[in-house]
Amino acid sequence: MWFKKRRERSDVDALDAVQPVESLRHAASEGGVDVARLRLSIPLGNGDTALRSTRNEVWVSDGGRHALWRVDALRPLFRGDRQPPPDAAMERYPPEYVRFFAGIERSVLLFCALTRQPTDAEFLDLYALMRRRPDGRSLGPLHDVIWQSAAVALGLRPWSEAEYTAVLGQLARSARHFKLGPSSRNYIGYVQQTIGNS
C-alpha cells in the first residue's frame, strides 16, 4: 500500500479559501449570493453613471444576484496578527496578496469606466489616506469605492491590520511611481493594461 505525502498548505492556499465574517455571510445568504464568487458591485444611476450612496451600504454580487452588506467601519474587520513581507517584496504583488490588490484595482477600474479618470495625484492621496486612516470621513465617490473594496477584501478573508496597511501602502507607491505631474493619469492606464481584460 502506498501513501501520498500530504502537501503542506502554502500562504496562497490558505488565503484562497473564503472565510467571510459573519455579517457578510448573513448578507450573502439573505440575498442568495454565492459568497465564494462575491465581489463589490457599484450601483448605477441614470446613463450608466455610478450612483452615489452612503459608503457604509456595500452592495456585493456573485455576477447574478446582489446583496446589501452594511459595514460600520473597516477596523473591526481586521483579523489575526500575520505580518506582511517587506515593502520590496510587496512591490511585486506577492501571489498571496493578489486577491487583495486585484479586488481594489478592479473596482477602481470599473468606477473609472463609469465616471471619469482621476489623476495619479488623486489616487496617491486616497491610497495614502486609506493607509493612515482607514475609517476617515468620506472624500467622495472614488474614496468610497476604495473603502468598500477594502471592506469586501477584509470581509472575505482574514487579513491583519499590518497586511491591510502594507497593501494600501503599496497601492500608494504604485500611484506615486506613475505620477509625472499634477494632471498625469498613468496609474489607471497601467491598471487597465494589467487587469482590464482579465
C-alpha atoms as a PDB file:
ATOM      1  CA  MET A   1       0.000   0.000   0.000  1.00  0.00           C
ATOM      2  CA  TRP A   2       1.347   3.423  -0.956  1.00  0.00           C
ATOM      3  CA  PHE A   3       0.621   6.624   0.866  1.00  0.00           C
ATOM      4  CA  LYS A   4       0.926  10.031  -0.686  1.00  0.00           C
ATOM      5  CA  LYS A   5       2.663  12.620   1.389  1.00  0.00           C
ATOM      6  CA  ARG A   6       0.199  15.330   2.218  1.00  0.00           C
ATOM      7  CA  ARG A   7       1.234  18.640   0.688  1.00  0.00           C
ATOM      8  CA  GLU A   8       1.675  21.471   3.162  1.00  0.00           C
ATOM      9  CA  ARG A   9      -0.744  24.346   2.661  1.00  0.00           C
ATOM     10  CA  SER A  10       1.017  27.452   1.428  1.00  0.00           C
ATOM     11  CA  ASP A  11       0.090  31.031   2.333  1.00  0.00           C
ATOM     12  CA  VAL A  12      -1.572  31.283  -1.086  1.00  0.00           C
ATOM     13  CA  ASP A  13      -3.708  28.177  -0.409  1.00  0.00           C
ATOM     14  CA  ALA A  14      -4.722  29.478   2.998  1.00  0.00           C
ATOM     15  CA  LEU A  15      -5.857  32.838   1.643  1.00  0.00           C
ATOM     16  CA  ASP A  16      -7.591  31.334  -1.392  1.00  0.00           C
ATOM     17  CA  ALA A  17     -10.131  29.849   0.990  1.00  0.00           C
ATOM     18  CA  VAL A  18     -13.007  32.240   1.561  1.00  0.00           C
ATOM     19  CA  GLN A  19     -13.601  32.793   5.285  1.00  0.00           C
ATOM     20  CA  PRO A  20     -16.274  35.505   5.435  1.00  0.00           C
ATOM     21  CA  VAL A  21     -17.074  37.438   8.563  1.00  0.00           C
ATOM     22  CA  GLU A  22     -20.478  36.578   9.984  1.00  0.00           C
ATOM     23  CA  SER A  23     -22.185  39.806   8.872  1.00  0.00           C
ATOM     24  CA  LEU A  24     -21.085  39.264   5.253  1.00  0.00           C
ATOM     25  CA  ARG A  25     -22.072  35.597   5.337  1.00  0.00           C
ATOM     26  CA  HIS A  26     -25.519  36.622   6.621  1.00  0.00           C
ATOM     27  CA  ALA A  27     -25.978  39.361   3.973  1.00  0.00           C
ATOM     28  CA  ALA A  28     -24.937  36.988   1.191  1.00  0.00           C
ATOM     29  CA  SER A  29     -27.292  34.301   2.471  1.00  0.00           C
ATOM     30  CA  GLU A  30     -30.230  36.728   2.637  1.00  0.00           C
ATOM     31  CA  GLY A  31     -29.558  37.899  -0.914  1.00  0.00           C
ATOM     32  CA  GLY A  32     -28.973  34.405  -2.277  1.00  0.00           C
ATOM     33  CA  VAL A  33     -25.438  35.404  -3.293  1.00  0.00           C
ATOM     34  CA  ASP A  34     -22.714  32.750  -3.623  1.00  0.00           C
ATOM     35  CA  VAL A  35     -20.146  34.025  -1.132  1.00  0.00           C
ATOM     36  CA  ALA A  36     -17.298  32.165  -2.887  1.00  0.00           C
ATOM     37  CA  ARG A  37     -17.875  34.271  -6.053  1.00  0.00           C
ATOM     38  CA  LEU A  38     -18.647  37.529  -4.285  1.00  0.00           C
ATOM     39  CA  ARG A  39     -17.226  40.907  -5.320  1.00  0.00           C
ATOM     40  CA  LEU A  40     -18.094  44.572  -4.941  1.00  0.00           C
ATOM     41  CA  SER A  41     -20.977  45.823  -7.064  1.00  0.00           C
ATOM     42  CA  ILE A  42     -21.194  49.525  -7.927  1.00  0.00           C
ATOM     43  CA  PRO A  43     -24.854  50.634  -8.225  1.00  0.00           C
ATOM     44  CA  LEU A  44     -25.622  52.504 -11.439  1.00  0.00           C
ATOM     45  CA  GLY A  45     -27.679  55.647 -11.806  1.00  0.00           C
ATOM     46  CA  ASN A  46     -29.085  57.141 -14.981  1.00  0.00           C
ATOM     47  CA  GLY A  47     -26.916  56.817 -18.066  1.00  0.00           C
ATOM     48  CA  ASP A  48     -24.584  54.154 -16.615  1.00  0.00           C
ATOM     49  CA  THR A  49     -23.009  56.527 -14.118  1.00  0.00           C
ATOM     50  CA  ALA A  50     -22.068  55.362 -10.639  1.00  0.00           C
ATOM     51  CA  LEU A  51     -24.851  56.112  -8.197  1.00  0.00           C
ATOM     52  CA  ARG A  52     -23.728  57.962  -5.100  1.00  0.00           C
ATOM     53  CA  SER A  53     -24.835  56.107  -1.995  1.00  0.00           C
ATOM     54  CA  THR A  54     -23.692  56.005   1.581  1.00  0.00           C
ATOM     55  CA  ARG A  55     -20.270  54.370   1.952  1.00  0.00           C
ATOM     56  CA  ASN A  56     -21.480  52.020   4.681  1.00  0.00           C
ATOM     57  CA  GLU A  57     -24.008  50.363   2.354  1.00  0.00           C
ATOM     58  CA  VAL A  58     -21.818  47.924   0.446  1.00  0.00           C
ATOM     59  CA  TRP A  59     -23.511  46.203  -2.497  1.00  0.00           C
ATOM     60  CA  VAL A  60     -21.998  42.831  -3.375  1.00  0.00           C
ATOM     61  CA  SER A  61     -22.713  40.454  -6.234  1.00  0.00           C
ATOM     62  CA  ASP A  62     -21.797  36.984  -7.459  1.00  0.00           C
ATOM     63  CA  GLY A  63     -22.362  38.012 -11.060  1.00  0.00           C
ATOM     64  CA  GLY A  64     -26.077  37.290 -10.971  1.00  0.00           C
ATOM     65  CA  ARG A  65     -27.654  38.269  -7.671  1.00  0.00           C
ATOM     66  CA  HIS A  66     -26.976  41.262  -5.462  1.00  0.00           C
ATOM     67  CA  ALA A  67     -26.991  41.711  -1.700  1.00  0.00           C
ATOM     68  CA  LEU A  68     -26.601  44.672   0.623  1.00  0.00           C
ATOM     69  CA  TRP A  69     -23.970  44.383   3.349  1.00  0.00           C
ATOM     70  CA  ARG A  70     -23.915  47.110   5.989  1.00  0.00           C
ATOM     71  CA  VAL A  71     -20.425  47.875   7.288  1.00  0.00           C
ATOM     72  CA  ASP A  72     -19.859  50.357  10.108  1.00  0.00           C
ATOM     73  CA  ALA A  73     -16.051  50.520   9.908  1.00  0.00           C
ATOM     74  CA  LEU A  74     -13.014  48.731   8.468  1.00  0.00           C
ATOM     75  CA  ARG A  75     -11.020  48.345  11.684  1.00  0.00           C
ATOM     76  CA  PRO A  76     -13.336  45.703  13.214  1.00  0.00           C
ATOM     77  CA  LEU A  77     -12.799  43.613  10.053  1.00  0.00           C
ATOM     78  CA  PHE A  78      -9.055  43.186  10.694  1.00  0.00           C
ATOM     79  CA  ARG A  79      -8.338  39.597  11.738  1.00  0.00           C
ATOM     80  CA  GLY A  80      -5.236  37.993  13.128  1.00  0.00           C
ATOM     81  CA  ASP A  81      -1.737  39.350  13.525  1.00  0.00           C
ATOM     82  CA  ARG A  82       0.007  37.944  10.451  1.00  0.00           C
ATOM     83  CA  GLN A  83       2.857  40.158   9.218  1.00  0.00           C
ATOM     84  CA  PRO A  84       3.253  41.071   5.536  1.00  0.00           C
ATOM     85  CA  PRO A  85       6.502  40.667   3.627  1.00  0.00           C
ATOM     86  CA  PRO A  86       8.847  43.685   3.416  1.00  0.00           C
ATOM     87  CA  ASP A  87       7.979  46.592   1.099  1.00  0.00           C
ATOM     88  CA  ALA A  88      10.491  45.386  -1.519  1.00  0.00           C
ATOM     89  CA  ALA A  89       8.554  42.113  -1.845  1.00  0.00           C
ATOM     90  CA  MET A  90       5.157  43.846  -1.778  1.00  0.00           C
ATOM     91  CA  GLU A  91       6.019  45.946  -4.822  1.00  0.00           C
ATOM     92  CA  ARG A  92       5.924  42.755  -6.895  1.00  0.00           C
ATOM     93  CA  TYR A  93       2.395  41.922  -5.640  1.00  0.00           C
ATOM     94  CA  PRO A  94       3.170  38.572  -3.931  1.00  0.00           C
ATOM     95  CA  PRO A  95       0.782  35.766  -5.007  1.00  0.00           C
ATOM     96  CA  GLU A  96      -0.848  35.530  -1.572  1.00  0.00           C
ATOM     97  CA  TYR A  97      -1.860  39.222  -1.812  1.00  0.00           C
ATOM     98  CA  VAL A  98      -3.014  39.341  -5.446  1.00  0.00           C
ATOM     99  CA  ARG A  99      -6.683  38.888  -4.483  1.00  0.00           C
ATOM    100  CA  PHE A 100      -6.499  41.905  -2.168  1.00  0.00           C
ATOM    101  CA  PHE A 101      -4.755  44.124  -4.739  1.00  0.00           C
ATOM    102  CA  ALA A 102      -6.946  42.949  -7.618  1.00  0.00           C
ATOM    103  CA  GLY A 103     -10.166  43.422  -5.644  1.00  0.00           C
ATOM    104  CA  ILE A 104      -9.384  47.079  -5.101  1.00  0.00           C
ATOM    105  CA  GLU A 105      -7.934  47.764  -8.543  1.00  0.00           C
ATOM    106  CA  ARG A 106     -10.770  46.015 -10.426  1.00  0.00           C
ATOM    107  CA  SER A 107     -13.338  48.090  -8.538  1.00  0.00           C
ATOM    108  CA  VAL A 108     -11.378  51.289  -9.192  1.00  0.00           C
ATOM    109  CA  LEU A 109     -11.152  50.391 -12.877  1.00  0.00           C
ATOM    110  CA  LEU A 110     -14.907  49.806 -13.087  1.00  0.00           C
ATOM    111  CA  PHE A 111     -15.613  53.060 -11.261  1.00  0.00           C
ATOM    112  CA  CYS A 112     -13.354  54.963 -13.685  1.00  0.00           C
ATOM    113  CA  ALA A 113     -15.028  53.342 -16.689  1.00  0.00           C
ATOM    114  CA  LEU A 114     -18.409  54.529 -15.378  1.00  0.00           C
ATOM    115  CA  THR A 115     -17.394  58.035 -14.348  1.00  0.00           C
ATOM    116  CA  ARG A 116     -14.041  59.667 -15.023  1.00  0.00           C
ATOM    117  CA  GLN A 117     -10.308  59.018 -14.883  1.00  0.00           C
ATOM    118  CA  PRO A 118      -8.825  60.532 -11.720  1.00  0.00           C
ATOM    119  CA  THR A 119      -5.269  61.819 -11.694  1.00  0.00           C
ATOM    120  CA  ASP A 120      -2.342  59.908 -10.267  1.00  0.00           C
ATOM    121  CA  ALA A 121      -2.173  62.547  -7.530  1.00  0.00           C
ATOM    122  CA  GLU A 122      -5.783  61.768  -6.518  1.00  0.00           C
ATOM    123  CA  PHE A 123      -5.040  58.060  -6.302  1.00  0.00           C
ATOM    124  CA  LEU A 124      -1.870  58.716  -4.330  1.00  0.00           C
ATOM    125  CA  ASP A 125      -3.711  60.923  -1.841  1.00  0.00           C
ATOM    126  CA  LEU A 126      -6.624  58.490  -1.386  1.00  0.00           C
ATOM    127  CA  TYR A 127      -4.485  55.362  -1.026  1.00  0.00           C
ATOM    128  CA  ALA A 128      -2.185  57.134   1.445  1.00  0.00           C
ATOM    129  CA  LEU A 129      -5.193  58.376   3.429  1.00  0.00           C
ATOM    130  CA  MET A 130      -6.766  54.903   3.459  1.00  0.00           C
ATOM    131  CA  ARG A 131      -3.466  53.515   4.735  1.00  0.00           C
ATOM    132  CA  ARG A 132      -3.173  56.039   7.570  1.00  0.00           C
ATOM    133  CA  ARG A 133      -6.846  56.452   8.468  1.00  0.00           C
ATOM    134  CA  PRO A 134      -8.938  53.520   7.219  1.00  0.00           C
ATOM    135  CA  ASP A 135     -12.152  54.946   8.635  1.00  0.00           C
ATOM    136  CA  GLY A 136     -11.586  58.648   7.969  1.00  0.00           C
ATOM    137  CA  ARG A 137     -14.505  60.678   6.633  1.00  0.00           C
ATOM    138  CA  SER A 138     -15.522  60.173   3.017  1.00  0.00           C
ATOM    139  CA  LEU A 139     -13.840  62.413   0.467  1.00  0.00           C
ATOM    140  CA  GLY A 140     -16.143  61.455  -2.384  1.00  0.00           C
ATOM    141  CA  PRO A 141     -17.252  58.579  -4.606  1.00  0.00           C
ATOM    142  CA  LEU A 142     -13.786  57.281  -5.561  1.00  0.00           C
ATOM    143  CA  HIS A 143     -12.720  57.204  -1.911  1.00  0.00           C
ATOM    144  CA  ASP A 144     -15.931  55.322  -1.108  1.00  0.00           C
ATOM    145  CA  VAL A 145     -15.271  52.708  -3.804  1.00  0.00           C
ATOM    146  CA  ILE A 146     -11.743  52.115  -2.478  1.00  0.00           C
ATOM    147  CA  TRP A 147     -13.131  51.885   1.081  1.00  0.00           C
ATOM    148  CA  GLN A 148     -15.871  49.457   0.025  1.00  0.00           C
ATOM    149  CA  SER A 149     -13.396  47.335  -1.969  1.00  0.00           C
ATOM    150  CA  ALA A 150     -11.173  47.105   1.093  1.00  0.00           C
ATOM    151  CA  ALA A 151     -14.223  46.141   3.190  1.00  0.00           C
ATOM    152  CA  VAL A 152     -15.058  43.286   0.804  1.00  0.00           C
ATOM    153  CA  ALA A 153     -11.435  42.053   0.839  1.00  0.00           C
ATOM    154  CA  LEU A 154     -11.341  42.176   4.649  1.00  0.00           C
ATOM    155  CA  GLY A 155     -14.788  40.622   4.938  1.00  0.00           C
ATOM    156  CA  LEU A 156     -13.948  37.646   2.712  1.00  0.00           C
ATOM    157  CA  ARG A 157     -10.539  36.645   4.060  1.00  0.00           C
ATOM    158  CA  PRO A 158      -8.656  37.062   7.355  1.00  0.00           C
ATOM    159  CA  TRP A 159      -6.301  39.987   6.677  1.00  0.00           C
ATOM    160  CA  SER A 160      -4.487  41.586   9.588  1.00  0.00           C
ATOM    161  CA  GLU A 161      -4.148  45.324  10.116  1.00  0.00           C
ATOM    162  CA  ALA A 162      -0.463  45.081   9.181  1.00  0.00           C
ATOM    163  CA  GLU A 163      -1.332  43.357   5.895  1.00  0.00           C
ATOM    164  CA  TYR A 164      -4.014  45.943   5.114  1.00  0.00           C
ATOM    165  CA  THR A 165      -1.506  48.729   5.785  1.00  0.00           C
ATOM    166  CA  ALA A 166       1.093  47.068   3.545  1.00  0.00           C
ATOM    167  CA  VAL A 167      -1.342  46.627   0.637  1.00  0.00           C
ATOM    168  CA  LEU A 168      -2.589  50.221   0.780  1.00  0.00           C
ATOM    169  CA  GLY A 169       0.991  51.437   1.163  1.00  0.00           C
ATOM    170  CA  GLN A 170       1.987  49.580  -1.998  1.00  0.00           C
ATOM    171  CA  LEU A 171      -1.001  50.969  -3.910  1.00  0.00           C
ATOM    172  CA  ALA A 172       0.096  54.468  -2.875  1.00  0.00           C
ATOM    173  CA  ARG A 173       3.658  53.730  -4.039  1.00  0.00           C
ATOM    174  CA  SER A 174       2.300  52.490  -7.385  1.00  0.00           C
ATOM    175  CA  ALA A 175       0.355  55.715  -7.890  1.00  0.00           C
ATOM    176  CA  ARG A 176       3.449  57.738  -6.885  1.00  0.00           C
ATOM    177  CA  HIS A 177       5.582  55.771  -9.350  1.00  0.00           C
ATOM    178  CA  PHE A 178       3.298  56.653 -12.263  1.00  0.00           C
ATOM    179  CA  LYS A 179       2.755  60.282 -11.249  1.00  0.00           C
ATOM    180  CA  LEU A 180       4.642  62.523 -13.660  1.00  0.00           C
ATOM    181  CA  GLY A 181       2.873  65.754 -12.792  1.00  0.00           C
ATOM    182  CA  PRO A 182      -0.270  67.184 -11.192  1.00  0.00           C
ATOM    183  CA  SER A 183      -2.529  66.076 -14.044  1.00  0.00           C
ATOM    184  CA  SER A 184      -0.939  62.776 -15.120  1.00  0.00           C
ATOM    185  CA  ARG A 185      -3.231  59.742 -15.395  1.00  0.00           C
ATOM    186  CA  ASN A 186      -0.715  56.944 -15.914  1.00  0.00           C
ATOM    187  CA  TYR A 187      -1.645  54.735 -12.936  1.00  0.00           C
ATOM    188  CA  ILE A 188      -5.145  53.945 -14.209  1.00  0.00           C
ATOM    189  CA  GLY A 189      -3.674  53.218 -17.646  1.00  0.00           C
ATOM    190  CA  TYR A 190      -1.325  50.726 -16.009  1.00  0.00           C
ATOM    191  CA  VAL A 191      -4.230  49.097 -14.163  1.00  0.00           C
ATOM    192  CA  GLN A 192      -6.189  48.900 -17.433  1.00  0.00           C
ATOM    193  CA  GLN A 193      -3.260  47.160 -19.149  1.00  0.00           C
ATOM    194  CA  THR A 194      -2.583  44.695 -16.363  1.00  0.00           C
ATOM    195  CA  ILE A 195      -6.052  43.642 -15.192  1.00  0.00           C
ATOM    196  CA  GLY A 196      -8.500  45.387 -17.511  1.00  0.00           C
ATOM    197  CA  ASN A 197      -9.094  42.379 -19.697  1.00  0.00           C
ATOM    198  CA  SER A 198      -8.803  39.643 -17.062  1.00  0.00           C
END
